[in-house]
Amino acid sequence: MTTGEDRQPSGTRPSLFLERQSYRRRRLTDAARLLPILGAALIAIPLLWPGGSSEKGVPLSSAIFYIFACWAALIVASLIFGFAARRMAASDETDSDTDQWQR
């Protein structure tokens, strides 16, 4: 006969544990997926600037420079995400080899 101590109540869910590496890899993937949305928002900001030939307007050269700077920053950010993802994938492959011997 079993005592009921080893049974879990039916209303509770088992705790979910995510490994640190897989958690970081998923967050990195989420950030990389949000990068185009961030880029679209940054590039759309000049549309909100006052325009026209009034004295309060922003010169077109400043708007073009801003768009180019955003474009360059998005390229650098995507390179950083790519290198980080490659490094995480390489560390996952080496960790799996060491996990085999620890069991």
C-alpha atoms as a PDB file:
ATOM      1  CA  MET A   1       0.000   0.000   0.000  1.00  0.00           C
ATOM      2  CA  THR A   2       1.192   3.461  -0.746  1.00  0.00           C
ATOM      3  CA  THR A   3       0.905   6.310   1.653  1.00  0.00           C
ATOM      4  CA  GLY A   4      -0.156   9.393  -0.329  1.00  0.00           C
ATOM      5  CA  GLU A   5       3.054  11.283   0.436  1.00  0.00           C
ATOM      6  CA  ASP A   6       4.615  10.468  -2.926  1.00  0.00           C
ATOM      7  CA  ARG A   7       1.613  11.714  -4.890  1.00  0.00           C
ATOM      8  CA  GLN A   8       1.269  15.334  -5.951  1.00  0.00           C
ATOM      9  CA  PRO A   9      -2.056  17.099  -5.607  1.00  0.00           C
ATOM     10  CA  SER A  10      -3.935  17.116  -8.896  1.00  0.00           C
ATOM     11  CA  GLY A  11      -4.323  20.916  -8.956  1.00  0.00           C
ATOM     12  CA  THR A  12      -0.608  21.774  -8.974  1.00  0.00           C
ATOM     13  CA  ARG A  13       1.572  21.837 -12.027  1.00  0.00           C
ATOM     14  CA  PRO A  14       5.098  20.508 -11.979  1.00  0.00           C
ATOM     15  CA  SER A  15       7.683  23.266 -11.875  1.00  0.00           C
ATOM     16  CA  LEU A  16       9.288  24.079 -15.173  1.00  0.00           C
ATOM     17  CA  PHE A  17      13.039  24.443 -15.170  1.00  0.00           C
ATOM     18  CA  LEU A  18      14.796  25.896 -18.155  1.00  0.00           C
ATOM     19  CA  GLU A  19      18.505  25.578 -18.498  1.00  0.00           C
ATOM     20  CA  ARG A  20      20.339  28.855 -18.417  1.00  0.00           C
ATOM     21  CA  GLN A  21      21.828  28.416 -21.894  1.00  0.00           C
ATOM     22  CA  SER A  22      18.524  27.543 -23.558  1.00  0.00           C
ATOM     23  CA  TYR A  23      16.821  30.434 -21.755  1.00  0.00           C
ATOM     24  CA  ARG A  24      19.459  32.876 -22.980  1.00  0.00           C
ATOM     25  CA  ARG A  25      19.298  31.470 -26.504  1.00  0.00           C
ATOM     26  CA  ARG A  26      15.518  31.935 -26.579  1.00  0.00           C
ATOM     27  CA  ARG A  27      15.773  35.506 -25.286  1.00  0.00           C
ATOM     28  CA  LEU A  28      18.441  36.260 -27.890  1.00  0.00           C
ATOM     29  CA  THR A  29      16.156  34.866 -30.596  1.00  0.00           C
ATOM     30  CA  ASP A  30      13.271  36.977 -29.300  1.00  0.00           C
ATOM     31  CA  ALA A  31      15.432  40.103 -29.376  1.00  0.00           C
ATOM     32  CA  ALA A  32      16.574  39.316 -32.919  1.00  0.00           C
ATOM     33  CA  ARG A  33      12.958  38.921 -34.002  1.00  0.00           C
ATOM     34  CA  LEU A  34      12.079  42.320 -32.531  1.00  0.00           C
ATOM     35  CA  LEU A  35      14.970  44.038 -34.316  1.00  0.00           C
ATOM     36  CA  PRO A  36      13.031  44.739 -37.570  1.00  0.00           C
ATOM     37  CA  ILE A  37      10.155  46.245 -35.574  1.00  0.00           C
ATOM     38  CA  LEU A  38      12.595  48.466 -33.697  1.00  0.00           C
ATOM     39  CA  GLY A  39      14.209  49.431 -36.999  1.00  0.00           C
ATOM     40  CA  ALA A  40      10.877  50.350 -38.566  1.00  0.00           C
ATOM     41  CA  ALA A  41      10.014  52.486 -35.541  1.00  0.00           C
ATOM     42  CA  LEU A  42      13.381  54.256 -35.594  1.00  0.00           C
ATOM     43  CA  ILE A  43      13.251  54.920 -39.323  1.00  0.00           C
ATOM     44  CA  ALA A  44       9.678  56.248 -39.047  1.00  0.00           C
ATOM     45  CA  ILE A  45      10.650  58.880 -36.460  1.00  0.00           C
ATOM     46  CA  PRO A  46      11.575  61.500 -39.128  1.00  0.00           C
ATOM     47  CA  LEU A  47       7.949  61.372 -40.264  1.00  0.00           C
ATOM     48  CA  LEU A  48       7.030  62.958 -36.924  1.00  0.00           C
ATOM     49  CA  TRP A  49       9.511  65.812 -37.275  1.00  0.00           C
ATOM     50  CA  PRO A  50       8.061  69.158 -38.281  1.00  0.00           C
ATOM     51  CA  GLY A  51       8.557  69.611 -41.986  1.00  0.00           C
ATOM     52  CA  GLY A  52       8.143  72.245 -44.587  1.00  0.00           C
ATOM     53  CA  SER A  53      10.083  75.384 -45.251  1.00  0.00           C
ATOM     54  CA  SER A  54       9.290  76.977 -41.904  1.00  0.00           C
ATOM     55  CA  GLU A  55      12.043  78.012 -39.540  1.00  0.00           C
ATOM     56  CA  LYS A  56      11.125  75.220 -37.110  1.00  0.00           C
ATOM     57  CA  GLY A  57      11.560  72.460 -39.699  1.00  0.00           C
ATOM     58  CA  VAL A  58      14.414  69.973 -39.668  1.00  0.00           C
ATOM     59  CA  PRO A  59      16.739  70.083 -42.683  1.00  0.00           C
ATOM     60  CA  LEU A  60      16.484  67.172 -45.074  1.00  0.00           C
ATOM     61  CA  SER A  61      20.196  66.476 -44.721  1.00  0.00           C
ATOM     62  CA  SER A  62      19.721  65.846 -40.988  1.00  0.00           C
ATOM     63  CA  ALA A  63      16.854  63.447 -41.668  1.00  0.00           C
ATOM     64  CA  ILE A  64      18.897  61.521 -44.252  1.00  0.00           C
ATOM     65  CA  PHE A  65      21.862  61.352 -41.875  1.00  0.00           C
ATOM     66  CA  TYR A  66      19.567  60.056 -39.108  1.00  0.00           C
ATOM     67  CA  ILE A  67      18.118  57.345 -41.371  1.00  0.00           C
ATOM     68  CA  PHE A  68      21.615  56.279 -42.466  1.00  0.00           C
ATOM     69  CA  ALA A  69      22.788  56.154 -38.824  1.00  0.00           C
ATOM     70  CA  CYS A  70      19.768  53.998 -37.873  1.00  0.00           C
ATOM     71  CA  TRP A  71      20.435  51.701 -40.815  1.00  0.00           C
ATOM     72  CA  ALA A  72      24.099  51.308 -39.813  1.00  0.00           C
ATOM     73  CA  ALA A  73      23.145  50.700 -36.174  1.00  0.00           C
ATOM     74  CA  LEU A  74      20.673  47.981 -37.223  1.00  0.00           C
ATOM     75  CA  ILE A  75      23.385  46.269 -39.265  1.00  0.00           C
ATOM     76  CA  VAL A  76      25.794  46.349 -36.312  1.00  0.00           C
ATOM     77  CA  ALA A  77      23.085  45.040 -33.954  1.00  0.00           C
ATOM     78  CA  SER A  78      22.254  42.173 -36.311  1.00  0.00           C
ATOM     79  CA  LEU A  79      25.960  41.290 -36.561  1.00  0.00           C
ATOM     80  CA  ILE A  80      26.214  41.224 -32.770  1.00  0.00           C
ATOM     81  CA  PHE A  81      23.142  38.973 -32.542  1.00  0.00           C
ATOM     82  CA  GLY A  82      24.608  36.693 -35.210  1.00  0.00           C
ATOM     83  CA  PHE A  83      27.968  36.348 -33.473  1.00  0.00           C
ATOM     84  CA  ALA A  84      26.278  35.759 -30.111  1.00  0.00           C
ATOM     85  CA  ALA A  85      24.026  33.073 -31.594  1.00  0.00           C
ATOM     86  CA  ARG A  86      26.994  31.362 -33.238  1.00  0.00           C
ATOM     87  CA  ARG A  87      28.945  31.447 -29.974  1.00  0.00           C
ATOM     88  CA  MET A  88      25.997  29.980 -28.044  1.00  0.00           C
ATOM     89  CA  ALA A  89      25.557  27.223 -30.614  1.00  0.00           C
ATOM     90  CA  ALA A  90      29.254  26.368 -30.373  1.00  0.00           C
ATOM     91  CA  SER A  91      29.137  26.272 -26.570  1.00  0.00           C
ATOM     92  CA  ASP A  92      26.032  24.043 -26.695  1.00  0.00           C
ATOM     93  CA  GLU A  93      27.862  21.535 -28.887  1.00  0.00           C
ATOM     94  CA  THR A  94      30.849  21.394 -26.545  1.00  0.00           C
ATOM     95  CA  ASP A  95      28.634  21.154 -23.448  1.00  0.00           C
ATOM     96  CA  SER A  96      26.763  18.169 -24.853  1.00  0.00           C
ATOM     97  CA  ASP A  97      30.037  16.238 -25.171  1.00  0.00           C
ATOM     98  CA  THR A  98      30.979  16.925 -21.557  1.00  0.00           C
ATOM     99  CA  ASP A  99      27.474  16.012 -20.337  1.00  0.00           C
ATOM    100  CA  GLN A 100      27.867  12.516 -21.770  1.00  0.00           C
ATOM    101  CA  TRP A 101      30.873  11.785 -19.606  1.00  0.00           C
ATOM    102  CA  GLN A 102      29.373  13.192 -16.412  1.00  0.00           C
ATOM    103  CA  ARG A 103      26.468  10.754 -16.380  1.00  0.00           C
END
